[in-house]
Amino acid sequence: MARRRKRPAITREVTLECVQQECPECGGSMWIDYENTHTVSTLAEVVRLCLKVRRCQDTQCERYHQAYRPEAEGGWALPKH
């Protein structure tokens, strides 16, 4: 279904970062590889989420280049329609 009105303006911006900065598999450091943004509309406000996604850089690790997303993202997630 198409939108009939413009989305309301963003009222606040929240940056989410990973609590764990070492790879859970090999223990090496994970770097911030890229950022994602999501817009979440609640009844009270419209929030822009900036997610800092990390990846393991060790080529020998099983989790090499697999995204490790911020843990707090789950608190903002909405169920699928």
N, C-alpha and C. Protein backbone atom coordinates (compact mmCIF):
# COMPACT_ATOMS: atom_id res chain seq x y z
N MET A 1 0.83 -1.17 0.00
CA MET A 1 0.00 0.00 0.00
C MET A 1 0.89 1.24 0.00
N ALA A 2 0.57 2.17 -0.84
CA ALA A 2 1.39 3.37 -0.99
C ALA A 2 1.10 4.36 0.13
N ARG A 3 2.11 5.19 0.41
CA ARG A 3 1.96 6.25 1.40
C ARG A 3 1.10 7.36 0.83
N ARG A 4 0.22 7.90 1.64
CA ARG A 4 -0.62 9.01 1.20
C ARG A 4 -0.05 10.36 1.66
N ARG A 5 0.79 10.33 2.68
CA ARG A 5 1.43 11.54 3.21
C ARG A 5 2.92 11.31 3.34
N LYS A 6 3.68 12.39 3.41
CA LYS A 6 5.11 12.29 3.64
C LYS A 6 5.37 11.73 5.03
N ARG A 7 6.49 11.02 5.15
CA ARG A 7 6.90 10.55 6.47
C ARG A 7 7.22 11.76 7.34
N PRO A 8 6.85 11.74 8.61
CA PRO A 8 7.16 12.87 9.49
C PRO A 8 8.68 13.07 9.61
N ALA A 9 9.07 14.26 9.96
CA ALA A 9 10.49 14.58 10.11
C ALA A 9 11.10 13.79 11.26
N ILE A 10 12.37 13.48 11.14
CA ILE A 10 13.09 12.74 12.18
C ILE A 10 13.25 13.63 13.40
N THR A 11 12.84 13.10 14.56
CA THR A 11 12.88 13.90 15.79
C THR A 11 14.15 13.65 16.60
N ARG A 12 14.80 12.48 16.38
CA ARG A 12 16.00 12.17 17.16
C ARG A 12 16.84 11.15 16.41
N GLU A 13 18.14 11.19 16.67
CA GLU A 13 19.07 10.26 16.04
C GLU A 13 19.84 9.52 17.12
N VAL A 14 19.91 8.18 16.98
CA VAL A 14 20.58 7.33 17.97
C VAL A 14 21.66 6.53 17.25
N THR A 15 22.88 6.53 17.80
CA THR A 15 23.98 5.74 17.25
C THR A 15 24.16 4.51 18.11
N LEU A 16 24.13 3.34 17.48
CA LEU A 16 24.30 2.07 18.19
C LEU A 16 25.64 1.46 17.81
N GLU A 17 26.43 1.12 18.82
CA GLU A 17 27.73 0.49 18.59
C GLU A 17 27.77 -0.86 19.29
N CYS A 18 28.63 -1.73 18.80
CA CYS A 18 28.79 -3.06 19.39
C CYS A 18 29.48 -2.95 20.75
N VAL A 19 28.98 -3.70 21.71
CA VAL A 19 29.60 -3.74 23.03
C VAL A 19 30.89 -4.56 22.95
N GLN A 20 30.80 -5.69 22.27
CA GLN A 20 31.95 -6.58 22.12
C GLN A 20 32.77 -6.13 20.91
N GLN A 21 34.05 -5.87 21.11
CA GLN A 21 34.89 -5.39 20.02
C GLN A 21 35.93 -6.42 19.59
N GLU A 22 35.94 -7.58 20.25
CA GLU A 22 36.81 -8.68 19.85
C GLU A 22 35.97 -9.78 19.23
N CYS A 23 36.53 -10.47 18.27
CA CYS A 23 35.81 -11.55 17.59
C CYS A 23 35.49 -12.67 18.58
N PRO A 24 34.23 -13.14 18.62
CA PRO A 24 33.88 -14.22 19.55
C PRO A 24 34.53 -15.56 19.16
N GLU A 25 34.96 -15.70 17.93
CA GLU A 25 35.55 -16.95 17.45
C GLU A 25 37.05 -17.02 17.72
N CYS A 26 37.80 -16.02 17.24
CA CYS A 26 39.26 -16.09 17.35
C CYS A 26 39.85 -15.14 18.40
N GLY A 27 39.06 -14.19 18.89
CA GLY A 27 39.55 -13.25 19.90
C GLY A 27 40.30 -12.06 19.33
N GLY A 28 40.42 -12.00 18.00
CA GLY A 28 41.09 -10.86 17.36
C GLY A 28 40.19 -9.64 17.35
N SER A 29 40.76 -8.50 16.97
CA SER A 29 39.97 -7.28 16.96
C SER A 29 39.07 -7.23 15.73
N MET A 30 37.88 -6.68 15.92
CA MET A 30 36.95 -6.46 14.81
C MET A 30 36.90 -4.96 14.55
N TRP A 31 36.98 -4.57 13.31
CA TRP A 31 36.94 -3.17 12.93
C TRP A 31 35.54 -2.78 12.52
N ILE A 32 35.22 -1.50 12.67
CA ILE A 32 33.96 -0.99 12.13
C ILE A 32 34.14 -0.97 10.62
N ASP A 33 33.35 -1.78 9.94
CA ASP A 33 33.52 -1.94 8.50
C ASP A 33 32.58 -1.04 7.71
N TYR A 34 31.36 -0.89 8.21
CA TYR A 34 30.42 -0.01 7.52
C TYR A 34 29.32 0.42 8.49
N GLU A 35 28.49 1.35 8.05
CA GLU A 35 27.38 1.84 8.86
C GLU A 35 26.07 1.66 8.10
N ASN A 36 25.04 1.29 8.81
CA ASN A 36 23.69 1.19 8.26
C ASN A 36 22.80 2.20 8.97
N THR A 37 21.78 2.68 8.28
CA THR A 37 20.80 3.55 8.93
C THR A 37 19.42 2.97 8.72
N HIS A 38 18.61 3.10 9.74
CA HIS A 38 17.21 2.67 9.71
C HIS A 38 16.37 3.77 10.33
N THR A 39 15.17 3.91 9.86
CA THR A 39 14.25 4.87 10.45
C THR A 39 13.11 4.09 11.10
N VAL A 40 12.89 4.35 12.38
CA VAL A 40 11.85 3.66 13.14
C VAL A 40 10.81 4.68 13.57
N SER A 41 9.56 4.43 13.23
CA SER A 41 8.46 5.32 13.62
C SER A 41 7.71 4.69 14.79
N THR A 42 7.63 5.42 15.88
CA THR A 42 6.82 4.99 17.02
C THR A 42 5.64 5.95 17.14
N LEU A 43 4.80 5.71 18.09
CA LEU A 43 3.66 6.62 18.28
C LEU A 43 4.11 7.99 18.78
N ALA A 44 5.25 8.03 19.48
CA ALA A 44 5.70 9.29 20.07
C ALA A 44 6.68 10.07 19.19
N GLU A 45 7.50 9.35 18.39
CA GLU A 45 8.55 10.03 17.65
C GLU A 45 9.02 9.21 16.46
N VAL A 46 9.86 9.84 15.65
CA VAL A 46 10.51 9.17 14.52
C VAL A 46 12.01 9.21 14.79
N VAL A 47 12.63 8.02 14.86
CA VAL A 47 14.02 7.90 15.27
C VAL A 47 14.86 7.37 14.11
N ARG A 48 16.00 8.00 13.86
CA ARG A 48 16.96 7.50 12.87
C ARG A 48 18.02 6.73 13.64
N LEU A 49 18.17 5.44 13.33
CA LEU A 49 19.18 4.59 13.96
C LEU A 49 20.40 4.51 13.05
N CYS A 50 21.57 4.80 13.60
CA CYS A 50 22.84 4.66 12.87
C CYS A 50 23.56 3.46 13.50
N LEU A 51 23.70 2.37 12.75
CA LEU A 51 24.30 1.15 13.25
C LEU A 51 25.74 1.05 12.78
N LYS A 52 26.68 0.84 13.70
CA LYS A 52 28.09 0.63 13.37
C LYS A 52 28.34 -0.87 13.36
N VAL A 53 28.52 -1.44 12.17
CA VAL A 53 28.66 -2.89 12.00
C VAL A 53 30.14 -3.25 11.93
N ARG A 54 30.54 -4.24 12.70
CA ARG A 54 31.94 -4.68 12.75
C ARG A 54 32.10 -6.02 12.04
N ARG A 55 33.34 -6.28 11.58
CA ARG A 55 33.68 -7.56 10.95
C ARG A 55 35.08 -7.97 11.39
N CYS A 56 35.29 -9.28 11.52
CA CYS A 56 36.61 -9.81 11.85
C CYS A 56 37.49 -9.68 10.61
N GLN A 57 38.75 -9.26 10.80
CA GLN A 57 39.67 -9.04 9.68
C GLN A 57 40.71 -10.16 9.53
N ASP A 58 40.64 -11.18 10.40
CA ASP A 58 41.60 -12.29 10.33
C ASP A 58 41.14 -13.29 9.28
N THR A 59 41.95 -13.50 8.23
CA THR A 59 41.55 -14.38 7.13
C THR A 59 41.46 -15.84 7.55
N GLN A 60 42.11 -16.23 8.65
CA GLN A 60 42.08 -17.61 9.12
C GLN A 60 40.86 -17.91 10.00
N CYS A 61 40.14 -16.89 10.40
CA CYS A 61 38.99 -17.05 11.30
C CYS A 61 37.77 -17.54 10.53
N GLU A 62 36.93 -18.36 11.20
CA GLU A 62 35.70 -18.84 10.58
C GLU A 62 34.68 -17.72 10.38
N ARG A 63 34.76 -16.68 11.19
CA ARG A 63 33.83 -15.55 11.07
C ARG A 63 34.42 -14.40 10.25
N TYR A 64 35.40 -14.69 9.40
CA TYR A 64 36.05 -13.67 8.57
C TYR A 64 35.01 -12.98 7.69
N HIS A 65 34.92 -11.67 7.82
CA HIS A 65 34.03 -10.79 7.05
C HIS A 65 32.54 -11.09 7.25
N GLN A 66 32.19 -11.74 8.35
CA GLN A 66 30.77 -11.90 8.69
C GLN A 66 30.38 -10.74 9.59
N ALA A 67 29.25 -10.14 9.29
CA ALA A 67 28.82 -8.95 10.01
C ALA A 67 28.49 -9.27 11.47
N TYR A 68 28.95 -8.40 12.37
CA TYR A 68 28.60 -8.46 13.79
C TYR A 68 27.90 -7.15 14.11
N ARG A 69 26.58 -7.22 14.25
CA ARG A 69 25.76 -6.03 14.40
C ARG A 69 25.60 -5.65 15.88
N PRO A 70 25.27 -4.40 16.17
CA PRO A 70 25.12 -3.97 17.57
C PRO A 70 24.05 -4.78 18.31
N GLU A 71 24.37 -5.12 19.55
CA GLU A 71 23.45 -5.93 20.35
C GLU A 71 22.16 -5.18 20.65
N ALA A 72 22.20 -3.88 20.80
CA ALA A 72 21.01 -3.08 21.15
C ALA A 72 20.03 -2.96 20.00
N GLU A 73 20.42 -3.40 18.81
CA GLU A 73 19.51 -3.31 17.66
C GLU A 73 18.25 -4.14 17.89
N GLY A 74 18.38 -5.24 18.61
CA GLY A 74 17.23 -6.10 18.88
C GLY A 74 16.14 -5.43 19.69
N GLY A 75 16.50 -4.46 20.50
CA GLY A 75 15.52 -3.71 21.28
C GLY A 75 14.68 -2.78 20.44
N TRP A 76 15.17 -2.43 19.25
CA TRP A 76 14.44 -1.54 18.35
C TRP A 76 13.69 -2.31 17.27
N ALA A 77 13.99 -3.59 17.11
CA ALA A 77 13.44 -4.37 16.00
C ALA A 77 11.92 -4.52 16.13
N LEU A 78 11.30 -4.52 15.00
CA LEU A 78 9.86 -4.72 14.94
C LEU A 78 9.57 -6.05 14.25
N PRO A 79 8.48 -6.73 14.59
CA PRO A 79 8.17 -8.00 13.92
C PRO A 79 7.83 -7.76 12.46
N LYS A 80 8.06 -8.78 11.67
CA LYS A 80 7.73 -8.71 10.24
C LYS A 80 6.22 -8.63 10.08
N HIS A 81 5.79 -7.97 9.02
CA HIS A 81 4.35 -7.83 8.78
C HIS A 81 3.78 -9.09 8.18
